Amino acid sequence: FHSGNASSVRSEKSLIVGSGDSQLMFKLTYVNKSLFFSKQKIPRQLKNNIHTRV
């Protein structure tokens, strides 16, 4: 895994945990020996809920 620039090392990994409404996506980003962590909820079920609610 090389992007041509040895001084800038960037690695990303996404992890999806759970199912349905409680599904979460964890995103790990590793840049220059620094680890960035972000967590976001996946609103996958929102559309379905709106359509089923008449």
PDB file of N, CA and C in Angstrom:
ATOM      1  N   PHE A   1       0.848  -1.198   0.000  1.00  0.00           N
ATOM      2  CA  PHE A   1       0.000   0.000   0.000  1.00  0.00           C
ATOM      3  C   PHE A   1       0.886   1.252   0.000  1.00  0.00           C
ATOM      4  N   HIS A   2       1.112   1.789  -1.182  1.00  0.00           N
ATOM      5  CA  HIS A   2       1.936   2.995  -1.309  1.00  0.00           C
ATOM      6  C   HIS A   2       1.249   3.960  -2.261  1.00  0.00           C
ATOM      7  N   SER A   3       1.210   5.223  -1.873  1.00  0.00           N
ATOM      8  CA  SER A   3       0.588   6.236  -2.715  1.00  0.00           C
ATOM      9  C   SER A   3       1.644   7.123  -3.371  1.00  0.00           C
ATOM     10  N   GLY A   4       2.911   6.714  -3.285  1.00  0.00           N
ATOM     11  CA  GLY A   4       3.981   7.473  -3.906  1.00  0.00           C
ATOM     12  C   GLY A   4       4.662   8.420  -2.938  1.00  0.00           C
ATOM     13  N   ASN A   5       3.933   8.903  -1.942  1.00  0.00           N
ATOM     14  CA  ASN A   5       4.510   9.825  -0.969  1.00  0.00           C
ATOM     15  C   ASN A   5       4.726   9.067   0.335  1.00  0.00           C
ATOM     16  N   ALA A   6       6.002   8.850   0.669  1.00  0.00           N
ATOM     17  CA  ALA A   6       6.312   8.016   1.820  1.00  0.00           C
ATOM     18  C   ALA A   6       6.059   8.739   3.139  1.00  0.00           C
ATOM     19  N   SER A   7       6.071  10.067   3.108  1.00  0.00           N
ATOM     20  CA  SER A   7       5.921  10.820   4.349  1.00  0.00           C
ATOM     21  C   SER A   7       4.446  10.929   4.753  1.00  0.00           C
ATOM     22  N   SER A   8       3.549  10.668   3.813  1.00  0.00           N
ATOM     23  CA  SER A   8       2.116  10.757   4.107  1.00  0.00           C
ATOM     24  C   SER A   8       1.502   9.372   3.991  1.00  0.00           C
ATOM     25  N   VAL A   9       1.276   8.770   5.151  1.00  0.00           N
ATOM     26  CA  VAL A   9       0.693   7.433   5.182  1.00  0.00           C
ATOM     27  C   VAL A   9      -0.752   7.544   5.613  1.00  0.00           C
ATOM     28  N   ARG A  10      -1.645   7.059   4.775  1.00  0.00           N
ATOM     29  CA  ARG A  10      -3.057   7.178   5.076  1.00  0.00           C
ATOM     30  C   ARG A  10      -3.726   5.816   4.906  1.00  0.00           C
ATOM     31  N   SER A  11      -4.440   5.407   5.931  1.00  0.00           N
ATOM     32  CA  SER A  11      -5.153   4.138   5.885  1.00  0.00           C
ATOM     33  C   SER A  11      -6.548   4.345   6.446  1.00  0.00           C
ATOM     34  N   GLU A  12      -7.540   3.799   5.762  1.00  0.00           N
ATOM     35  CA  GLU A  12      -8.917   3.952   6.226  1.00  0.00           C
ATOM     36  C   GLU A  12      -9.580   2.596   6.352  1.00  0.00           C
ATOM     37  N   LYS A  13     -10.360   2.449   7.409  1.00  0.00           N
ATOM     38  CA  LYS A  13     -11.092   1.198   7.613  1.00  0.00           C
ATOM     39  C   LYS A  13     -12.480   1.523   8.139  1.00  0.00           C
ATOM     40  N   SER A  14     -13.498   0.937   7.503  1.00  0.00           N
ATOM     41  CA  SER A  14     -14.870   1.164   7.945  1.00  0.00           C
ATOM     42  C   SER A  14     -15.427  -0.123   8.528  1.00  0.00           C
ATOM     43  N   LEU A  15     -16.149   0.029   9.616  1.00  0.00           N
ATOM     44  CA  LEU A  15     -16.715  -1.127  10.300  1.00  0.00           C
ATOM     45  C   LEU A  15     -18.177  -0.850  10.601  1.00  0.00           C
ATOM     46  N   ILE A  16     -19.053  -1.741  10.127  1.00  0.00           N
ATOM     47  CA  ILE A  16     -20.488  -1.562  10.359  1.00  0.00           C
ATOM     48  C   ILE A  16     -20.937  -2.565  11.421  1.00  0.00           C
ATOM     49  N   VAL A  17     -21.556  -2.021  12.465  1.00  0.00           N
ATOM     50  CA  VAL A  17     -21.952  -2.844  13.606  1.00  0.00           C
ATOM     51  C   VAL A  17     -23.455  -2.734  13.824  1.00  0.00           C
ATOM     52  N   GLY A  18     -24.094  -3.854  14.130  1.00  0.00           N
ATOM     53  CA  GLY A  18     -25.516  -3.829  14.450  1.00  0.00           C
ATOM     54  C   GLY A  18     -26.369  -4.078  13.227  1.00  0.00           C
ATOM     55  N   SER A  19     -27.681  -3.944  13.400  1.00  0.00           N
ATOM     56  CA  SER A  19     -28.611  -4.156  12.298  1.00  0.00           C
ATOM     57  C   SER A  19     -29.853  -3.310  12.517  1.00  0.00           C
ATOM     58  N   GLY A  20     -30.547  -3.017  11.445  1.00  0.00           N
ATOM     59  CA  GLY A  20     -31.790  -2.261  11.549  1.00  0.00           C
ATOM     60  C   GLY A  20     -31.565  -0.826  11.976  1.00  0.00           C
ATOM     61  N   ASP A  21     -32.395  -0.355  12.896  1.00  0.00           N
ATOM     62  CA  ASP A  21     -32.359   1.045  13.308  1.00  0.00           C
ATOM     63  C   ASP A  21     -31.122   1.367  14.145  1.00  0.00           C
ATOM     64  N   SER A  22     -30.542   0.349  14.764  1.00  0.00           N
ATOM     65  CA  SER A  22     -29.426   0.597  15.680  1.00  0.00           C
ATOM     66  C   SER A  22     -28.080   0.353  15.005  1.00  0.00           C
ATOM     67  N   GLN A  23     -28.083   0.444  13.666  1.00  0.00           N
ATOM     68  CA  GLN A  23     -26.842   0.171  12.946  1.00  0.00           C
ATOM     69  C   GLN A  23     -25.906   1.367  13.025  1.00  0.00           C
ATOM     70  N   LEU A  24     -24.660   1.085  13.352  1.00  0.00           N
ATOM     71  CA  LEU A  24     -23.659   2.141  13.479  1.00  0.00           C
ATOM     72  C   LEU A  24     -22.486   1.851  12.552  1.00  0.00           C
ATOM     73  N   MET A  25     -21.893   2.919  12.029  1.00  0.00           N
ATOM     74  CA  MET A  25     -20.695   2.746  11.224  1.00  0.00           C
ATOM     75  C   MET A  25     -19.528   3.435  11.906  1.00  0.00           C
ATOM     76  N   PHE A  26     -18.484   2.654  12.176  1.00  0.00           N
ATOM     77  CA  PHE A  26     -17.275   3.192  12.780  1.00  0.00           C
ATOM     78  C   PHE A  26     -16.239   3.374  11.674  1.00  0.00           C
ATOM     79  N   LYS A  27     -15.675   4.560  11.611  1.00  0.00           N
ATOM     80  CA  LYS A  27     -14.674   4.826  10.585  1.00  0.00           C
ATOM     81  C   LYS A  27     -13.350   5.165  11.241  1.00  0.00           C
ATOM     82  N   LEU A  28     -12.341   4.371  10.920  1.00  0.00           N
ATOM     83  CA  LEU A  28     -11.009   4.591  11.466  1.00  0.00           C
ATOM     84  C   LEU A  28     -10.108   5.143  10.366  1.00  0.00           C
ATOM     85  N   THR A  29      -9.506   6.270  10.628  1.00  0.00           N
ATOM     86  CA  THR A  29      -8.586   6.863   9.663  1.00  0.00           C
ATOM     87  C   THR A  29      -7.231   7.060  10.328  1.00  0.00           C
ATOM     88  N   TYR A  30      -6.200   6.530   9.682  1.00  0.00           N
ATOM     89  CA  TYR A  30      -4.855   6.603  10.222  1.00  0.00           C
ATOM     90  C   TYR A  30      -4.003   7.445   9.283  1.00  0.00           C
ATOM     91  N   VAL A  31      -3.622   8.648   9.747  1.00  0.00           N
ATOM     92  CA  VAL A  31      -2.838   9.559   8.923  1.00  0.00           C
ATOM     93  C   VAL A  31      -1.590  10.006   9.684  1.00  0.00           C
ATOM     94  N   ASN A  32      -0.425   9.695   9.131  1.00  0.00           N
ATOM     95  CA  ASN A  32       0.843  10.139   9.718  1.00  0.00           C
ATOM     96  C   ASN A  32       0.942   9.818  11.218  1.00  0.00           C
ATOM     97  N   LYS A  33       0.734   8.554  11.558  1.00  0.00           N
ATOM     98  CA  LYS A  33       0.837   8.083  12.939  1.00  0.00           C
ATOM     99  C   LYS A  33      -0.202   8.721  13.861  1.00  0.00           C
ATOM    100  N   SER A  34      -1.261   9.286  13.292  1.00  0.00           N
ATOM    101  CA  SER A  34      -2.362   9.817  14.097  1.00  0.00           C
ATOM    102  C   SER A  34      -3.626   9.042  13.736  1.00  0.00           C
ATOM    103  N   LEU A  35      -4.367   8.675  14.757  1.00  0.00           N
ATOM    104  CA  LEU A  35      -5.567   7.885  14.526  1.00  0.00           C
ATOM    105  C   LEU A  35      -6.811   8.741  14.746  1.00  0.00           C
ATOM    106  N   PHE A  36      -7.621   8.827  13.698  1.00  0.00           N
ATOM    107  CA  PHE A  36      -8.868   9.581  13.796  1.00  0.00           C
ATOM    108  C   PHE A  36     -10.029   8.598  13.824  1.00  0.00           C
ATOM    109  N   PHE A  37     -10.959   8.843  14.724  1.00  0.00           N
ATOM    110  CA  PHE A  37     -12.073   7.919  14.923  1.00  0.00           C
ATOM    111  C   PHE A  37     -13.380   8.690  14.813  1.00  0.00           C
ATOM    112  N   SER A  38     -14.243   8.214  13.934  1.00  0.00           N
ATOM    113  CA  SER A  38     -15.549   8.856  13.806  1.00  0.00           C
ATOM    114  C   SER A  38     -16.637   7.801  13.805  1.00  0.00           C
ATOM    115  N   LYS A  39     -17.736   8.137  14.457  1.00  0.00           N
ATOM    116  CA  LYS A  39     -18.866   7.209  14.551  1.00  0.00           C
ATOM    117  C   LYS A  39     -20.098   7.911  14.012  1.00  0.00           C
ATOM    118  N   GLN A  40     -20.808   7.245  13.107  1.00  0.00           N
ATOM    119  CA  GLN A  40     -22.021   7.847  12.586  1.00  0.00           C
ATOM    120  C   GLN A  40     -23.115   6.811  12.428  1.00  0.00           C
ATOM    121  N   LYS A  41     -24.342   7.247  12.677  1.00  0.00           N
ATOM    122  CA  LYS A  41     -25.482   6.364  12.575  1.00  0.00           C
ATOM    123  C   LYS A  41     -25.904   6.269  11.113  1.00  0.00           C
ATOM    124  N   ILE A  42     -26.345   5.110  10.705  1.00  0.00           N
ATOM    125  CA  ILE A  42     -26.779   4.915   9.327  1.00  0.00           C
ATOM    126  C   ILE A  42     -28.301   4.992   9.264  1.00  0.00           C
ATOM    127  N   PRO A  43     -28.844   6.031   8.654  1.00  0.00           N
ATOM    128  CA  PRO A  43     -30.302   6.205   8.585  1.00  0.00           C
ATOM    129  C   PRO A  43     -30.906   5.376   7.467  1.00  0.00           C
ATOM    130  N   ARG A  44     -30.575   4.102   7.421  1.00  0.00           N
ATOM    131  CA  ARG A  44     -31.035   3.243   6.325  1.00  0.00           C
ATOM    132  C   ARG A  44     -32.548   3.012   6.397  1.00  0.00           C
ATOM    133  N   GLN A  45     -33.055   2.872   7.610  1.00  0.00           N
ATOM    134  CA  GLN A  45     -34.461   2.495   7.784  1.00  0.00           C
ATOM    135  C   GLN A  45     -35.408   3.685   7.699  1.00  0.00           C
ATOM    136  N   LEU A  46     -34.873   4.910   7.592  1.00  0.00           N
ATOM    137  CA  LEU A  46     -35.723   6.095   7.627  1.00  0.00           C
ATOM    138  C   LEU A  46     -36.722   6.114   6.476  1.00  0.00           C
ATOM    139  N   LYS A  47     -36.249   5.803   5.268  1.00  0.00           N
ATOM    140  CA  LYS A  47     -37.139   5.830   4.108  1.00  0.00           C
ATOM    141  C   LYS A  47     -38.264   4.814   4.246  1.00  0.00           C
ATOM    142  N   ASN A  48     -37.893   3.609   4.707  1.00  0.00           N
ATOM    143  CA  ASN A  48     -38.891   2.554   4.845  1.00  0.00           C
ATOM    144  C   ASN A  48     -39.970   2.937   5.850  1.00  0.00           C
ATOM    145  N   ASN A  49     -39.556   3.549   6.951  1.00  0.00           N
ATOM    146  CA  ASN A  49     -40.509   3.945   7.984  1.00  0.00           C
ATOM    147  C   ASN A  49     -41.471   5.004   7.462  1.00  0.00           C
ATOM    148  N   ILE A  50     -40.957   5.933   6.654  1.00  0.00           N
ATOM    149  CA  ILE A  50     -41.810   6.990   6.123  1.00  0.00           C
ATOM    150  C   ILE A  50     -42.845   6.412   5.167  1.00  0.00           C
ATOM    151  N   HIS A  51     -42.414   5.430   4.354  1.00  0.00           N
ATOM    152  CA  HIS A  51     -43.336   4.872   3.372  1.00  0.00           C
ATOM    153  C   HIS A  51     -44.396   3.985   4.013  1.00  0.00           C
ATOM    154  N   THR A  52     -44.036   3.318   5.116  1.00  0.00           N
ATOM    155  CA  THR A  52     -45.001   2.408   5.735  1.00  0.00           C
ATOM    156  C   THR A  52     -45.972   3.162   6.637  1.00  0.00           C
ATOM    157  N   ARG A  53     -45.650   4.426   6.957  1.00  0.00           N
ATOM    158  CA  ARG A  53     -46.505   5.201   7.857  1.00  0.00           C
ATOM    159  C   ARG A  53     -47.502   5.990   7.013  1.00  0.00           C
ATOM    160  N   VAL A  54     -48.728   5.471   6.923  1.00  0.00           N
ATOM    161  CA  VAL A  54     -49.738   6.123   6.080  1.00  0.00           C
ATOM    162  C   VAL A  54     -50.799   6.783   6.950  1.00  0.00           C
TER     163      VAL A  54
END
